[in-house]
Amino acid sequence: MSVARELTCASSFTGGVDDAHISLGVTENIQMTNYHIHQIIEYLLSQVEFPFDSIDVEESLDDVLVHFGIDETFTAVEEAEIRRYILPRGINFQISEMQRLRQQWQVGA
């Protein structure tokens, strides 16, 4: 459906084109916010080093983000979306750290 058709349909149901512009703007804003959040997620996933475990991601996501130069305020829904994608990186770091410690212990034993 074209934007003009959407505006026409929306104006016939909401009582005016101004309402249609407002609702269309909200949708575009939500899409831009989602796009921005996923850009941040892609940036974090592209980092070679991720020195945070799952507890860091769960309990102090702000510190993790600031470490990578991201100093923004997010809604609870946005934070949950970021955690959903970043948590596996934290778990991988935790597992690799345990393997490193185990190898270090075996060499010393």
C-alpha atoms as a PDB file:
ATOM      1  CA  MET A   1       0.000   0.000   0.000  1.00  0.00           C
ATOM      2  CA  SER A   2       1.414   3.383  -0.924  1.00  0.00           C
ATOM      3  CA  VAL A   3       1.925   6.151   1.606  1.00  0.00           C
ATOM      4  CA  ALA A   4      -0.726   8.279  -0.102  1.00  0.00           C
ATOM      5  CA  ARG A   5      -3.232   5.408   0.098  1.00  0.00           C
ATOM      6  CA  GLU A   6      -2.358   4.820   3.756  1.00  0.00           C
ATOM      7  CA  LEU A   7      -2.902   8.507   4.496  1.00  0.00           C
ATOM      8  CA  THR A   8      -6.236   8.461   2.680  1.00  0.00           C
ATOM      9  CA  CYS A   9      -7.371   5.360   4.568  1.00  0.00           C
ATOM     10  CA  ALA A  10      -6.163   6.727   7.873  1.00  0.00           C
ATOM     11  CA  SER A  11      -7.791  10.116   7.328  1.00  0.00           C
ATOM     12  CA  SER A  12     -11.145   8.512   6.569  1.00  0.00           C
ATOM     13  CA  PHE A  13     -11.027   6.548   9.840  1.00  0.00           C
ATOM     14  CA  THR A  14      -9.460   9.079  12.169  1.00  0.00           C
ATOM     15  CA  GLY A  15     -11.246  12.185  10.993  1.00  0.00           C
ATOM     16  CA  GLY A  16      -8.396  14.104   9.395  1.00  0.00           C
ATOM     17  CA  VAL A  17      -5.132  14.027   7.521  1.00  0.00           C
ATOM     18  CA  ASP A  18      -3.350  15.620  10.496  1.00  0.00           C
ATOM     19  CA  ASP A  19      -4.106  12.536  12.586  1.00  0.00           C
ATOM     20  CA  ALA A  20      -2.805  10.342   9.773  1.00  0.00           C
ATOM     21  CA  HIS A  21       0.447  12.305   9.648  1.00  0.00           C
ATOM     22  CA  ILE A  22       0.839  11.944  13.404  1.00  0.00           C
ATOM     23  CA  SER A  23       0.253   8.182  13.372  1.00  0.00           C
ATOM     24  CA  LEU A  24       2.558   7.750  10.382  1.00  0.00           C
ATOM     25  CA  GLY A  25       5.250   9.776  12.179  1.00  0.00           C
ATOM     26  CA  VAL A  26       5.001   7.579  15.257  1.00  0.00           C
ATOM     27  CA  THR A  27       5.421   4.452  13.132  1.00  0.00           C
ATOM     28  CA  GLU A  28       8.451   5.932  11.385  1.00  0.00           C
ATOM     29  CA  ASN A  29       9.929   6.946  14.756  1.00  0.00           C
ATOM     30  CA  ILE A  30       9.512   3.418  16.129  1.00  0.00           C
ATOM     31  CA  GLN A  31      11.136   1.977  13.009  1.00  0.00           C
ATOM     32  CA  MET A  32      14.055   4.408  13.281  1.00  0.00           C
ATOM     33  CA  THR A  33      14.485   3.545  16.970  1.00  0.00           C
ATOM     34  CA  ASN A  34      14.515  -0.179  16.157  1.00  0.00           C
ATOM     35  CA  TYR A  35      17.019   0.467  13.380  1.00  0.00           C
ATOM     36  CA  HIS A  36      19.229   2.460  15.759  1.00  0.00           C
ATOM     37  CA  ILE A  37      19.083  -0.275  18.422  1.00  0.00           C
ATOM     38  CA  HIS A  38      20.056  -2.924  15.889  1.00  0.00           C
ATOM     39  CA  GLN A  39      22.918  -0.753  14.622  1.00  0.00           C
ATOM     40  CA  ILE A  40      24.221  -0.673  18.196  1.00  0.00           C
ATOM     41  CA  ILE A  41      23.795  -4.442  18.487  1.00  0.00           C
ATOM     42  CA  GLU A  42      25.674  -5.028  15.217  1.00  0.00           C
ATOM     43  CA  TYR A  43      28.453  -2.720  16.394  1.00  0.00           C
ATOM     44  CA  LEU A  44      28.782  -4.631  19.677  1.00  0.00           C
ATOM     45  CA  LEU A  45      28.732  -8.006  17.926  1.00  0.00           C
ATOM     46  CA  SER A  46      31.442  -6.857  15.515  1.00  0.00           C
ATOM     47  CA  GLN A  47      33.909  -6.108  18.321  1.00  0.00           C
ATOM     48  CA  VAL A  48      36.801  -8.562  18.395  1.00  0.00           C
ATOM     49  CA  GLU A  49      37.267  -8.324  22.136  1.00  0.00           C
ATOM     50  CA  PHE A  50      34.305  -8.582  24.480  1.00  0.00           C
ATOM     51  CA  PRO A  51      35.727  -8.657  28.028  1.00  0.00           C
ATOM     52  CA  PHE A  52      32.403  -9.043  29.844  1.00  0.00           C
ATOM     53  CA  ASP A  53      30.676 -12.120  31.187  1.00  0.00           C
ATOM     54  CA  SER A  54      26.952 -12.838  31.347  1.00  0.00           C
ATOM     55  CA  ILE A  55      26.630 -11.288  34.816  1.00  0.00           C
ATOM     56  CA  ASP A  56      28.088  -8.021  33.515  1.00  0.00           C
ATOM     57  CA  VAL A  57      25.613  -8.004  30.635  1.00  0.00           C
ATOM     58  CA  GLU A  58      22.664  -8.797  32.908  1.00  0.00           C
ATOM     59  CA  GLU A  59      23.463  -6.535  35.853  1.00  0.00           C
ATOM     60  CA  SER A  60      25.463  -3.642  34.429  1.00  0.00           C
ATOM     61  CA  LEU A  61      24.607  -3.251  30.761  1.00  0.00           C
ATOM     62  CA  ASP A  62      25.297   0.495  31.008  1.00  0.00           C
ATOM     63  CA  ASP A  63      28.930  -0.193  31.951  1.00  0.00           C
ATOM     64  CA  VAL A  64      29.290  -2.591  29.027  1.00  0.00           C
ATOM     65  CA  LEU A  65      27.878  -0.010  26.621  1.00  0.00           C
ATOM     66  CA  VAL A  66      30.023   2.817  27.998  1.00  0.00           C
ATOM     67  CA  HIS A  67      33.114   0.623  27.559  1.00  0.00           C
ATOM     68  CA  PHE A  68      32.350   0.591  23.828  1.00  0.00           C
ATOM     69  CA  GLY A  69      31.628   4.329  23.707  1.00  0.00           C
ATOM     70  CA  ILE A  70      27.834   4.128  23.816  1.00  0.00           C
ATOM     71  CA  ASP A  71      26.502   6.547  26.406  1.00  0.00           C
ATOM     72  CA  GLU A  72      22.758   6.654  25.793  1.00  0.00           C
ATOM     73  CA  THR A  73      19.636   6.109  27.845  1.00  0.00           C
ATOM     74  CA  PHE A  74      17.432   3.249  26.696  1.00  0.00           C
ATOM     75  CA  THR A  75      13.941   2.128  27.607  1.00  0.00           C
ATOM     76  CA  ALA A  76      13.475  -1.209  29.366  1.00  0.00           C
ATOM     77  CA  VAL A  77      12.306  -2.770  26.091  1.00  0.00           C
ATOM     78  CA  GLU A  78      15.380  -1.483  24.241  1.00  0.00           C
ATOM     79  CA  GLU A  79      17.702  -2.760  26.978  1.00  0.00           C
ATOM     80  CA  ALA A  80      16.027  -6.160  26.829  1.00  0.00           C
ATOM     81  CA  GLU A  81      16.561  -6.267  23.058  1.00  0.00           C
ATOM     82  CA  ILE A  82      20.243  -5.384  23.428  1.00  0.00           C
ATOM     83  CA  ARG A  83      20.694  -7.979  26.201  1.00  0.00           C
ATOM     84  CA  ARG A  84      19.013 -10.653  24.087  1.00  0.00           C
ATOM     85  CA  TYR A  85      21.689 -10.335  21.422  1.00  0.00           C
ATOM     86  CA  ILE A  86      24.681  -9.514  23.613  1.00  0.00           C
ATOM     87  CA  LEU A  87      24.162 -12.131  26.341  1.00  0.00           C
ATOM     88  CA  PRO A  88      25.589 -14.974  24.199  1.00  0.00           C
ATOM     89  CA  ARG A  89      28.818 -12.958  23.829  1.00  0.00           C
ATOM     90  CA  GLY A  90      29.011 -12.711  27.616  1.00  0.00           C
ATOM     91  CA  ILE A  91      28.412 -16.432  27.988  1.00  0.00           C
ATOM     92  CA  ASN A  92      31.111 -17.193  25.395  1.00  0.00           C
ATOM     93  CA  PHE A  93      33.567 -14.978  27.259  1.00  0.00           C
ATOM     94  CA  GLN A  94      32.725 -16.776  30.503  1.00  0.00           C
ATOM     95  CA  ILE A  95      33.270 -20.195  28.925  1.00  0.00           C
ATOM     96  CA  SER A  96      36.561 -19.197  27.315  1.00  0.00           C
ATOM     97  CA  GLU A  97      37.761 -17.704  30.595  1.00  0.00           C
ATOM     98  CA  MET A  98      36.948 -20.964  32.422  1.00  0.00           C
ATOM     99  CA  GLN A  99      38.835 -22.926  29.755  1.00  0.00           C
ATOM    100  CA  ARG A 100      41.823 -20.604  30.078  1.00  0.00           C
ATOM    101  CA  LEU A 101      41.857 -21.011  33.867  1.00  0.00           C
ATOM    102  CA  ARG A 102      41.551 -24.785  33.568  1.00  0.00           C
ATOM    103  CA  GLN A 103      44.480 -24.969  31.155  1.00  0.00           C
ATOM    104  CA  GLN A 104      46.494 -22.731  33.432  1.00  0.00           C
ATOM    105  CA  TRP A 105      45.683 -24.969  36.397  1.00  0.00           C
ATOM    106  CA  GLN A 106      46.636 -28.132  34.447  1.00  0.00           C
ATOM    107  CA  VAL A 107      49.985 -26.666  33.462  1.00  0.00           C
ATOM    108  CA  GLY A 108      50.692 -25.721  37.064  1.00  0.00           C
ATOM    109  CA  ALA A 109      49.638 -29.105  38.479  1.00  0.00           C
END
